[in-house]
Structures are given as C-alpha cells and as structure tokens.
Amino acid sequence: MRDLLLLSYTYPPDNTPAAVRPGQLRDYLPELGYQPHVVASSFEGGSNMDPFVHRVPGAHEPRRARFSSKLATSFMRNFAPYDDRLPWVPYARRAATDVIRSRPMAAVFSTSPFLAAHFAALVVKMRTGLPWIADFQDPIRDNPFRTRRWFFPYDMIIERLFFRFADRLIANTDTVAEAWRARYPSLSSKISVLWNSFDPREECVNISRPRRPHRVLAHVGALYGDRHPALLLATLERLAPSNVRVKLVGPIEPELLQRLQGSFERVSQSGLLE
C-alpha cells in the first residue's frame, strides 16, 4: 500500500457537494493500492475520528502559521476578488509537512472548488518535489461564478501558475478538458477527465408512489450565487397551481436567503413551497 497526501478544504461530513468527491477518493483509493492521508479544513465545523484525516487549524497552531494566515486574510480582503479560502493555506501546508515527515508519500492530490487546496499543494510541490495531481471540480477560467472584473487578470494568473507546476490536471467534464487543451496545447498530455459519480454502496430502491392530489418538484442540493429559484418562485406566485408543490432541500447562501426572503415567505404561506 502506497501513501498519498490528499488536500481538500471540504471533506465529509461537511454539508456541501464539494465534500463528496474527496470522501469517495478516501474510500476507494485503497482498492487501487493507495492509502490517502487527508488534510481538510476545520473552519466549516467538520470533525473526523479517522486517524488518516487531519482537520486544521487545530487548537494549538504555531505562531508562524497563524501570522501567515492573517496575512492571507488581509490579501484576500484587499487584493482578491473571490473568497478562495486563502487563510487556510498556511495551516494546510504545516499539516501536510508533518504528514510527509511521518512517512514517504507517493504524490500530492489536491481537489477544489476552493483554490486554497491547490495553493497548499503548490507550496508542497515546490518544497518537496513530489508529483502533484491537481483536480478541479470547477474550472477557474470560464467559470460562470467567477465573473468579477478586477484590476489585474486574477484568474488567468492563478490558472497558469497551477497548470505550469502540476504534473497532472484533472477536469470533471470532457468539455472543460477540451477547453484546457485548446488553451494550453503544449500541456495536453497531462490533462485527464474524472467524472463526478454515484457511490455504488448507496442502494437505489423502488418505493411505492405516495397517494396525494399533487405532484412534488424537489431540488436537493445547495442554493448559491446564480443558482437560485427566483424565477420558479415568481412563477408559483403568478400561476398558483393547485396540483404542484415545490420542495427545496439543502443549504441556502445567507445573502441569497436575505434577497429572496419575501418571495420565500409569500409562496410558503400559500402552501406551494416547503
């Protein structure tokens, strides 16, 4: 069994879709002969008893890591257009270094969407020379949620930096991979695709159809950014259908909840939304 360092800001049981992929990697890579050692964030409140999972920052972080984290916070507030969780990078780098010192690692595997994992992996790559696999659950450029105009090409600089130093680049769709190959033809040989997938351990069973006078339209997942139900809520208010109910299951971004609070309340009071 070879050891692999897996860096991911989110990790189960964090309540976000981004945690699913690293969780599956942790569970299934041992079947291929690799034991992942996970470094994940404790900022989101998640915790793990697994000895191969390291949540940082911990209660007693070195002063140097805490100072570097404060510098990253200042940079993010004043010079970065997005919250890429940069204050986590010093803690992740410190934990990754401790793991590497404890046993030899075959490679470093980092997965986003939060780019902090890739920044931490970049530092580890430059300090140790270990092979680095950079897995992007979302692209950096051509990302519909990264459209802010800034006074310098923030995303282009970061993408080129990662693509230059990573030994393998993983996209989650063939469309993204083809866009990368067109943009970086000299790097085509190190671009691969790893699709998001279902977990074969989760059994899909047939259940009897409930008897009710209406149909249920359900959205199970996170609501954030431009992924919101504003048009759906407006349609429900306008049409007031008697044979449809909408159910939203999952976390809602606080800013989005505040912006749509009035619509949520009106449609909920009408009995059309749960």
C-alpha atoms as a PDB file:
ATOM      1  CA  MET A   1       0.000   0.000   0.000  1.00  0.00           C
ATOM      2  CA  ARG A   2       1.459   3.358  -1.076  1.00  0.00           C
ATOM      3  CA  ASP A   3       0.662   6.564   0.816  1.00  0.00           C
ATOM      4  CA  LEU A   4      -0.958   9.560  -0.876  1.00  0.00           C
ATOM      5  CA  LEU A   5      -1.441  13.084   0.505  1.00  0.00           C
ATOM      6  CA  LEU A   6      -4.969  14.341  -0.232  1.00  0.00           C
ATOM      7  CA  LEU A   7      -5.615  18.072   0.260  1.00  0.00           C
ATOM      8  CA  SER A   8      -9.209  19.290   0.256  1.00  0.00           C
ATOM      9  CA  TYR A   9     -10.725  22.283   2.019  1.00  0.00           C
ATOM     10  CA  THR A  10     -14.042  20.433   2.410  1.00  0.00           C
ATOM     11  CA  TYR A  11     -14.494  16.836   3.487  1.00  0.00           C
ATOM     12  CA  PRO A  12     -17.366  14.738   4.866  1.00  0.00           C
ATOM     13  CA  PRO A  13     -19.396  15.350   6.942  1.00  0.00           C
ATOM     14  CA  ASP A  14     -19.200  18.991   5.725  1.00  0.00           C
ATOM     15  CA  ASN A  15     -22.619  19.903   4.314  1.00  0.00           C
ATOM     16  CA  THR A  16     -21.531  20.843   0.804  1.00  0.00           C
ATOM     17  CA  PRO A  17     -21.451  18.975  -2.533  1.00  0.00           C
ATOM     18  CA  ALA A  18     -17.711  19.705  -2.817  1.00  0.00           C
ATOM     19  CA  ALA A  19     -17.045  17.282   0.055  1.00  0.00           C
ATOM     20  CA  VAL A  20     -18.411  14.255  -1.814  1.00  0.00           C
ATOM     21  CA  ARG A  21     -15.503  13.803  -4.223  1.00  0.00           C
ATOM     22  CA  PRO A  22     -12.660  13.753  -1.636  1.00  0.00           C
ATOM     23  CA  GLY A  23     -14.784  11.456   0.526  1.00  0.00           C
ATOM     24  CA  GLN A  24     -15.117   8.957  -2.307  1.00  0.00           C
ATOM     25  CA  LEU A  25     -11.406   9.210  -3.073  1.00  0.00           C
ATOM     26  CA  ARG A  26     -10.621   8.428   0.566  1.00  0.00           C
ATOM     27  CA  ASP A  27     -12.903   5.391   0.494  1.00  0.00           C
ATOM     28  CA  TYR A  28     -11.995   3.860  -2.858  1.00  0.00           C
ATOM     29  CA  LEU A  29      -8.314   4.644  -3.490  1.00  0.00           C
ATOM     30  CA  PRO A  30      -7.207   1.869  -1.079  1.00  0.00           C
ATOM     31  CA  GLU A  31      -8.774  -0.624  -3.508  1.00  0.00           C
ATOM     32  CA  LEU A  32      -6.196   0.606  -6.045  1.00  0.00           C
ATOM     33  CA  GLY A  33      -3.298   0.310  -3.610  1.00  0.00           C
ATOM     34  CA  TYR A  34      -3.177   3.888  -2.252  1.00  0.00           C
ATOM     35  CA  GLN A  35      -3.802   4.984   1.332  1.00  0.00           C
ATOM     36  CA  PRO A  36      -4.919   8.639   1.356  1.00  0.00           C
ATOM     37  CA  HIS A  37      -3.856  10.898   4.218  1.00  0.00           C
ATOM     38  CA  VAL A  38      -6.396  13.724   4.178  1.00  0.00           C
ATOM     39  CA  VAL A  39      -5.738  17.317   5.231  1.00  0.00           C
ATOM     40  CA  ALA A  40      -9.038  19.230   5.406  1.00  0.00           C
ATOM     41  CA  SER A  41     -10.381  22.410   6.971  1.00  0.00           C
ATOM     42  CA  SER A  42     -11.860  22.730  10.442  1.00  0.00           C
ATOM     43  CA  PHE A  43     -13.225  26.211   9.650  1.00  0.00           C
ATOM     44  CA  GLU A  44     -16.536  24.739   8.436  1.00  0.00           C
ATOM     45  CA  GLY A  45     -17.132  22.913  11.722  1.00  0.00           C
ATOM     46  CA  GLY A  46     -16.494  19.390  10.436  1.00  0.00           C
ATOM     47  CA  SER A  47     -14.629  16.807  12.508  1.00  0.00           C
ATOM     48  CA  ASN A  48     -13.411  13.245  11.958  1.00  0.00           C
ATOM     49  CA  MET A  49     -12.225  10.411  14.172  1.00  0.00           C
ATOM     50  CA  ASP A  50     -10.427   8.730  11.258  1.00  0.00           C
ATOM     51  CA  PRO A  51      -6.669   8.650  12.040  1.00  0.00           C
ATOM     52  CA  PHE A  52      -5.954   9.304   8.358  1.00  0.00           C
ATOM     53  CA  VAL A  53      -7.923  12.585   8.366  1.00  0.00           C
ATOM     54  CA  HIS A  54      -6.281  15.737   9.747  1.00  0.00           C
ATOM     55  CA  ARG A  55      -8.509  18.785  10.352  1.00  0.00           C
ATOM     56  CA  VAL A  56      -6.726  22.123  10.559  1.00  0.00           C
ATOM     57  CA  PRO A  57      -6.352  24.596  12.082  1.00  0.00           C
ATOM     58  CA  GLY A  58      -6.218  22.889  15.437  1.00  0.00           C
ATOM     59  CA  ALA A  59      -6.278  24.372  18.908  1.00  0.00           C
ATOM     60  CA  HIS A  60      -2.528  24.940  19.102  1.00  0.00           C
ATOM     61  CA  GLU A  61      -1.173  26.130  15.785  1.00  0.00           C
ATOM     62  CA  PRO A  62       2.372  27.553  15.505  1.00  0.00           C
ATOM     63  CA  ARG A  63       2.667  31.333  15.669  1.00  0.00           C
ATOM     64  CA  ARG A  64       4.181  31.421  12.186  1.00  0.00           C
ATOM     65  CA  ALA A  65       1.164  29.674  10.665  1.00  0.00           C
ATOM     66  CA  ARG A  66      -1.262  31.997  12.468  1.00  0.00           C
ATOM     67  CA  PHE A  67       0.668  35.066  11.301  1.00  0.00           C
ATOM     68  CA  SER A  68       0.748  33.815   7.696  1.00  0.00           C
ATOM     69  CA  SER A  69      -2.976  33.139   7.873  1.00  0.00           C
ATOM     70  CA  LYS A  70      -3.604  36.736   8.963  1.00  0.00           C
ATOM     71  CA  LEU A  71      -1.525  37.999   6.028  1.00  0.00           C
ATOM     72  CA  ALA A  72      -3.585  35.829   3.679  1.00  0.00           C
ATOM     73  CA  THR A  73      -6.772  37.266   5.176  1.00  0.00           C
ATOM     74  CA  SER A  74      -5.519  40.793   4.522  1.00  0.00           C
ATOM     75  CA  PHE A  75      -4.568  39.929   0.939  1.00  0.00           C
ATOM     76  CA  MET A  76      -7.937  38.326   0.287  1.00  0.00           C
ATOM     77  CA  ARG A  77      -9.835  41.351   1.617  1.00  0.00           C
ATOM     78  CA  ASN A  78      -7.850  43.940  -0.309  1.00  0.00           C
ATOM     79  CA  PHE A  79      -6.485  42.307  -3.458  1.00  0.00           C
ATOM     80  CA  ALA A  80      -8.576  39.220  -4.304  1.00  0.00           C
ATOM     81  CA  PRO A  81     -11.995  39.302  -5.983  1.00  0.00           C
ATOM     82  CA  TYR A  82     -13.130  35.937  -4.582  1.00  0.00           C
ATOM     83  CA  ASP A  83     -13.097  34.065  -1.310  1.00  0.00           C
ATOM     84  CA  ASP A  84     -10.767  31.202  -2.215  1.00  0.00           C
ATOM     85  CA  ARG A  85     -10.209  30.347   1.489  1.00  0.00           C
ATOM     86  CA  LEU A  86      -6.583  31.512   1.353  1.00  0.00           C
ATOM     87  CA  PRO A  87      -6.224  31.885   5.174  1.00  0.00           C
ATOM     88  CA  TRP A  88      -6.385  28.076   5.380  1.00  0.00           C
ATOM     89  CA  VAL A  89      -3.276  27.587   3.233  1.00  0.00           C
ATOM     90  CA  PRO A  90      -0.611  28.090   5.966  1.00  0.00           C
ATOM     91  CA  TYR A  91      -2.339  25.589   8.248  1.00  0.00           C
ATOM     92  CA  ALA A  92      -2.725  23.066   5.426  1.00  0.00           C
ATOM     93  CA  ARG A  93       0.920  23.439   4.418  1.00  0.00           C
ATOM     94  CA  ARG A  94       2.052  22.889   8.012  1.00  0.00           C
ATOM     95  CA  ALA A  95      -0.126  19.783   8.418  1.00  0.00           C
ATOM     96  CA  ALA A  96       0.960  18.431   5.029  1.00  0.00           C
ATOM     97  CA  THR A  97       4.603  18.847   6.016  1.00  0.00           C
ATOM     98  CA  ASP A  98       4.013  16.891   9.234  1.00  0.00           C
ATOM     99  CA  VAL A  99       2.316  14.074   7.316  1.00  0.00           C
ATOM    100  CA  ILE A 100       5.143  13.883   4.776  1.00  0.00           C
ATOM    101  CA  ARG A 101       7.713  13.746   7.564  1.00  0.00           C
ATOM    102  CA  SER A 102       5.881  10.857   9.208  1.00  0.00           C
ATOM    103  CA  ARG A 103       6.062   8.612   6.123  1.00  0.00           C
ATOM    104  CA  PRO A 104       7.024   8.874   2.436  1.00  0.00           C
ATOM    105  CA  MET A 105       4.236   9.987   0.108  1.00  0.00           C
ATOM    106  CA  ALA A 106       3.863   8.777  -3.475  1.00  0.00           C
ATOM    107  CA  ALA A 107       2.202  12.023  -4.599  1.00  0.00           C
ATOM    108  CA  VAL A 108       0.102  15.030  -3.607  1.00  0.00           C
ATOM    109  CA  PHE A 109      -3.530  15.119  -4.749  1.00  0.00           C
ATOM    110  CA  SER A 110      -5.424  18.412  -4.306  1.00  0.00           C
ATOM    111  CA  THR A 111      -9.060  18.989  -5.160  1.00  0.00           C
ATOM    112  CA  SER A 112     -11.057  22.208  -5.392  1.00  0.00           C
ATOM    113  CA  PRO A 113     -13.539  24.155  -5.846  1.00  0.00           C
ATOM    114  CA  PHE A 114     -11.858  26.198  -3.092  1.00  0.00           C
ATOM    115  CA  LEU A 115      -8.459  27.039  -4.579  1.00  0.00           C
ATOM    116  CA  ALA A 116      -6.791  27.017  -1.155  1.00  0.00           C
ATOM    117  CA  ALA A 117      -6.164  23.278  -1.568  1.00  0.00           C
ATOM    118  CA  HIS A 118      -4.250  23.871  -4.813  1.00  0.00           C
ATOM    119  CA  PHE A 119      -2.219  26.725  -3.315  1.00  0.00           C
ATOM    120  CA  ALA A 120      -1.231  24.465  -0.405  1.00  0.00           C
ATOM    121  CA  ALA A 121      -0.336  21.672  -2.839  1.00  0.00           C
ATOM    122  CA  LEU A 122       1.730  24.106  -4.924  1.00  0.00           C
ATOM    123  CA  VAL A 123       3.809  25.011  -1.870  1.00  0.00           C
ATOM    124  CA  VAL A 124       4.285  21.331  -1.013  1.00  0.00           C
ATOM    125  CA  LYS A 125       5.263  20.580  -4.616  1.00  0.00           C
ATOM    126  CA  MET A 126       7.876  23.349  -4.681  1.00  0.00           C
ATOM    127  CA  ARG A 127       9.340  22.319  -1.315  1.00  0.00           C
ATOM    128  CA  THR A 128       9.387  18.544  -1.732  1.00  0.00           C
ATOM    129  CA  GLY A 129       9.309  17.884  -5.470  1.00  0.00           C
ATOM    130  CA  LEU A 130       6.543  15.302  -5.034  1.00  0.00           C
ATOM    131  CA  PRO A 131       4.322  14.646  -8.064  1.00  0.00           C
ATOM    132  CA  TRP A 132       1.248  16.887  -7.874  1.00  0.00           C
ATOM    133  CA  ILE A 133      -2.195  15.949  -9.194  1.00  0.00           C
ATOM    134  CA  ALA A 134      -4.492  18.995  -9.367  1.00  0.00           C
ATOM    135  CA  ASP A 135      -8.180  18.056  -9.543  1.00  0.00           C
ATOM    136  CA  PHE A 136     -10.662  20.799 -10.484  1.00  0.00           C
ATOM    137  CA  GLN A 137     -14.306  20.151  -9.599  1.00  0.00           C
ATOM    138  CA  ASP A 138     -14.936  23.564 -11.179  1.00  0.00           C
ATOM    139  CA  PRO A 139     -12.743  25.366 -13.708  1.00  0.00           C
ATOM    140  CA  ILE A 140     -11.004  28.611 -12.778  1.00  0.00           C
ATOM    141  CA  ARG A 141     -11.485  30.489 -16.033  1.00  0.00           C
ATOM    142  CA  ASP A 142     -14.756  30.113 -17.944  1.00  0.00           C
ATOM    143  CA  ASN A 143     -16.464  29.695 -14.591  1.00  0.00           C
ATOM    144  CA  PRO A 144     -19.904  31.377 -14.519  1.00  0.00           C
ATOM    145  CA  PHE A 145     -19.453  32.141 -10.822  1.00  0.00           C
ATOM    146  CA  ARG A 146     -16.098  33.901 -11.312  1.00  0.00           C
ATOM    147  CA  THR A 147     -17.081  36.900 -13.433  1.00  0.00           C
ATOM    148  CA  ARG A 148     -15.985  39.869 -11.370  1.00  0.00           C
ATOM    149  CA  ARG A 149     -13.874  42.473 -13.143  1.00  0.00           C
ATOM    150  CA  TRP A 150     -10.627  43.199 -11.350  1.00  0.00           C
ATOM    151  CA  PHE A 151      -7.683  45.491 -11.924  1.00  0.00           C
ATOM    152  CA  PHE A 152      -5.402  42.560 -12.801  1.00  0.00           C
ATOM    153  CA  PRO A 153      -6.145  39.195 -14.505  1.00  0.00           C
ATOM    154  CA  TYR A 154      -6.534  37.277 -11.254  1.00  0.00           C
ATOM    155  CA  ASP A 155      -7.925  34.009 -12.623  1.00  0.00           C
ATOM    156  CA  MET A 156      -5.589  33.858 -15.619  1.00  0.00           C
ATOM    157  CA  ILE A 157      -2.511  34.263 -13.428  1.00  0.00           C
ATOM    158  CA  ILE A 158      -3.662  31.588 -10.984  1.00  0.00           C
ATOM    159  CA  GLU A 159      -4.631  29.105 -13.699  1.00  0.00           C
ATOM    160  CA  ARG A 160      -1.304  29.467 -15.489  1.00  0.00           C
ATOM    161  CA  LEU A 161       0.560  29.051 -12.201  1.00  0.00           C
ATOM    162  CA  PHE A 162      -1.240  25.824 -11.325  1.00  0.00           C
ATOM    163  CA  PHE A 163      -1.057  24.420 -14.833  1.00  0.00           C
ATOM    164  CA  ARG A 164       2.662  25.062 -15.078  1.00  0.00           C
ATOM    165  CA  PHE A 165       3.671  23.250 -11.885  1.00  0.00           C
ATOM    166  CA  ALA A 166       1.063  20.466 -11.621  1.00  0.00           C
ATOM    167  CA  ASP A 167       2.137  17.103 -13.035  1.00  0.00           C
ATOM    168  CA  ARG A 168      -1.434  16.057 -13.823  1.00  0.00           C
ATOM    169  CA  LEU A 169      -4.526  18.204 -14.415  1.00  0.00           C
ATOM    170  CA  ILE A 170      -7.949  16.664 -13.871  1.00  0.00           C
ATOM    171  CA  ALA A 171     -11.204  18.132 -15.191  1.00  0.00           C
ATOM    172  CA  ASN A 172     -14.619  16.884 -14.132  1.00  0.00           C
ATOM    173  CA  THR A 173     -16.109  17.068 -17.668  1.00  0.00           C
ATOM    174  CA  ASP A 174     -14.803  16.478 -21.172  1.00  0.00           C
ATOM    175  CA  THR A 175     -15.957  19.978 -22.172  1.00  0.00           C
ATOM    176  CA  VAL A 176     -13.651  21.585 -19.615  1.00  0.00           C
ATOM    177  CA  ALA A 177     -10.785  19.295 -20.630  1.00  0.00           C
ATOM    178  CA  GLU A 178     -11.174  20.252 -24.301  1.00  0.00           C
ATOM    179  CA  ALA A 179     -11.187  23.959 -23.397  1.00  0.00           C
ATOM    180  CA  TRP A 180      -7.935  23.437 -21.479  1.00  0.00           C
ATOM    181  CA  ARG A 181      -6.317  21.576 -24.375  1.00  0.00           C
ATOM    182  CA  ALA A 182      -7.273  24.365 -26.756  1.00  0.00           C
ATOM    183  CA  ARG A 183      -5.849  26.983 -24.403  1.00  0.00           C
ATOM    184  CA  TYR A 184      -2.705  25.039 -23.464  1.00  0.00           C
ATOM    185  CA  PRO A 185      -1.878  22.686 -26.375  1.00  0.00           C
ATOM    186  CA  SER A 186       1.604  22.003 -25.008  1.00  0.00           C
ATOM    187  CA  LEU A 187       0.051  20.581 -21.812  1.00  0.00           C
ATOM    188  CA  SER A 188      -2.463  18.267 -23.491  1.00  0.00           C
ATOM    189  CA  SER A 189      -0.625  15.118 -22.407  1.00  0.00           C
ATOM    190  CA  LYS A 190      -1.164  15.829 -18.711  1.00  0.00           C
ATOM    191  CA  ILE A 191      -4.884  16.660 -18.903  1.00  0.00           C
ATOM    192  CA  SER A 192      -7.359  13.958 -17.858  1.00  0.00           C
ATOM    193  CA  VAL A 193     -11.070  13.690 -17.033  1.00  0.00           C
ATOM    194  CA  LEU A 194     -12.520  12.245 -13.828  1.00  0.00           C
ATOM    195  CA  TRP A 195     -16.300  12.490 -13.867  1.00  0.00           C
ATOM    196  CA  ASN A 196     -18.359  13.109 -10.769  1.00  0.00           C
ATOM    197  CA  SER A 197     -20.038   9.819  -9.949  1.00  0.00           C
ATOM    198  CA  PHE A 198     -22.525   7.969  -7.807  1.00  0.00           C
ATOM    199  CA  ASP A 199     -21.421   5.830  -4.883  1.00  0.00           C
ATOM    200  CA  PRO A 200     -22.071   2.133  -5.643  1.00  0.00           C
ATOM    201  CA  ARG A 201     -22.518   1.477  -1.925  1.00  0.00           C
ATOM    202  CA  GLU A 202     -25.684   3.569  -1.926  1.00  0.00           C
ATOM    203  CA  GLU A 203     -28.534   1.251  -2.816  1.00  0.00           C
ATOM    204  CA  CYS A 204     -31.233   2.629  -5.094  1.00  0.00           C
ATOM    205  CA  VAL A 205     -34.548   1.042  -4.237  1.00  0.00           C
ATOM    206  CA  ASN A 206     -38.024   1.394  -5.694  1.00  0.00           C
ATOM    207  CA  ILE A 207     -40.649   2.790  -3.361  1.00  0.00           C
ATOM    208  CA  SER A 208     -44.374   2.937  -3.767  1.00  0.00           C
ATOM    209  CA  ARG A 209     -45.731   6.155  -5.174  1.00  0.00           C
ATOM    210  CA  PRO A 210     -47.452   8.140  -2.415  1.00  0.00           C
ATOM    211  CA  ARG A 211     -51.106   8.866  -2.877  1.00  0.00           C
ATOM    212  CA  ARG A 212     -51.655  12.608  -2.973  1.00  0.00           C
ATOM    213  CA  PRO A 213     -53.594  15.074  -5.117  1.00  0.00           C
ATOM    214  CA  HIS A 214     -50.475  16.931  -6.260  1.00  0.00           C
ATOM    215  CA  ARG A 215     -47.020  16.353  -7.657  1.00  0.00           C
ATOM    216  CA  VAL A 216     -43.799  17.376  -5.906  1.00  0.00           C
ATOM    217  CA  LEU A 217     -40.977  19.186  -7.682  1.00  0.00           C
ATOM    218  CA  ALA A 218     -37.897  18.808  -5.447  1.00  0.00           C
ATOM    219  CA  HIS A 219     -34.453  20.389  -5.582  1.00  0.00           C
ATOM    220  CA  VAL A 220     -31.969  18.594  -3.341  1.00  0.00           C
ATOM    221  CA  GLY A 221     -28.692  20.490  -3.021  1.00  0.00           C
ATOM    222  CA  ALA A 222     -27.179  23.873  -2.267  1.00  0.00           C
ATOM    223  CA  LEU A 223     -28.579  27.198  -3.489  1.00  0.00           C
ATOM    224  CA  TYR A 224     -25.899  29.823  -4.086  1.00  0.00           C
ATOM    225  CA  GLY A 225     -24.764  32.567  -6.451  1.00  0.00           C
ATOM    226  CA  ASP A 226     -26.746  32.472  -9.691  1.00  0.00           C
ATOM    227  CA  ARG A 227     -28.183  29.061  -8.818  1.00  0.00           C
ATOM    228  CA  HIS A 228     -31.360  30.269  -7.190  1.00  0.00           C
ATOM    229  CA  PRO A 229     -35.138  29.695  -7.549  1.00  0.00           C
ATOM    230  CA  ALA A 230     -36.225  33.323  -8.136  1.00  0.00           C
ATOM    231  CA  LEU A 231     -37.932  32.598 -11.476  1.00  0.00           C
ATOM    232  CA  LEU A 232     -39.545  29.469 -10.083  1.00  0.00           C
ATOM    233  CA  LEU A 233     -40.895  31.354  -7.070  1.00  0.00           C
ATOM    234  CA  ALA A 234     -42.257  34.122  -9.300  1.00  0.00           C
ATOM    235  CA  THR A 235     -43.984  31.528 -11.497  1.00  0.00           C
ATOM    236  CA  LEU A 236     -45.581  29.868  -8.489  1.00  0.00           C
ATOM    237  CA  GLU A 237     -46.884  33.229  -7.282  1.00  0.00           C
ATOM    238  CA  ARG A 238     -48.285  34.105 -10.711  1.00  0.00           C
ATOM    239  CA  LEU A 239     -49.891  30.768 -11.574  1.00  0.00           C
ATOM    240  CA  ALA A 240     -50.741  29.427  -8.100  1.00  0.00           C
ATOM    241  CA  PRO A 241     -51.076  25.838  -9.402  1.00  0.00           C
ATOM    242  CA  SER A 242     -53.250  23.535  -7.336  1.00  0.00           C
ATOM    243  CA  ASN A 243     -51.567  20.309  -8.448  1.00  0.00           C
ATOM    244  CA  VAL A 244     -47.888  21.154  -7.779  1.00  0.00           C
ATOM    245  CA  ARG A 245     -45.798  21.608  -4.637  1.00  0.00           C
ATOM    246  CA  VAL A 246     -42.140  22.643  -4.593  1.00  0.00           C
ATOM    247  CA  LYS A 247     -39.717  21.275  -2.013  1.00  0.00           C
ATOM    248  CA  LEU A 248     -36.230  22.779  -1.519  1.00  0.00           C
ATOM    249  CA  VAL A 249     -33.846  20.587   0.484  1.00  0.00           C
ATOM    250  CA  GLY A 250     -30.352  21.754   1.402  1.00  0.00           C
ATOM    251  CA  PRO A 251     -28.337  24.796   2.499  1.00  0.00           C
ATOM    252  CA  ILE A 252     -29.057  28.293   1.182  1.00  0.00           C
ATOM    253  CA  GLU A 253     -26.404  31.001   0.898  1.00  0.00           C
ATOM    254  CA  PRO A 254     -27.237  33.674   3.548  1.00  0.00           C
ATOM    255  CA  GLU A 255     -27.099  36.567   1.075  1.00  0.00           C
ATOM    256  CA  LEU A 256     -29.411  34.697  -1.276  1.00  0.00           C
ATOM    257  CA  LEU A 257     -31.826  33.858   1.517  1.00  0.00           C
ATOM    258  CA  GLN A 258     -31.973  37.512   2.529  1.00  0.00           C
ATOM    259  CA  ARG A 259     -32.540  38.689  -1.052  1.00  0.00           C
ATOM    260  CA  LEU A 260     -35.384  36.228  -1.688  1.00  0.00           C
ATOM    261  CA  GLN A 261     -36.853  36.283   1.809  1.00  0.00           C
ATOM    262  CA  GLY A 262     -40.080  37.990   0.694  1.00  0.00           C
ATOM    263  CA  SER A 263     -40.725  35.507  -2.111  1.00  0.00           C
ATOM    264  CA  PHE A 264     -39.955  32.546   0.145  1.00  0.00           C
ATOM    265  CA  GLU A 265     -42.437  33.766   2.757  1.00  0.00           C
ATOM    266  CA  ARG A 266     -45.257  34.540   0.317  1.00  0.00           C
ATOM    267  CA  VAL A 267     -45.015  31.243  -1.555  1.00  0.00           C
ATOM    268  CA  SER A 268     -44.619  29.263   1.680  1.00  0.00           C
ATOM    269  CA  GLN A 269     -47.736  30.902   3.156  1.00  0.00           C
ATOM    270  CA  SER A 270     -49.675  29.906   0.051  1.00  0.00           C
ATOM    271  CA  GLY A 271     -48.794  26.260   0.735  1.00  0.00           C
ATOM    272  CA  LEU A 272     -46.906  25.829  -2.539  1.00  0.00           C
ATOM    273  CA  LEU A 273     -43.369  25.753  -1.100  1.00  0.00           C
ATOM    274  CA  GLU A 274     -41.680  23.716   1.588  1.00  0.00           C
END
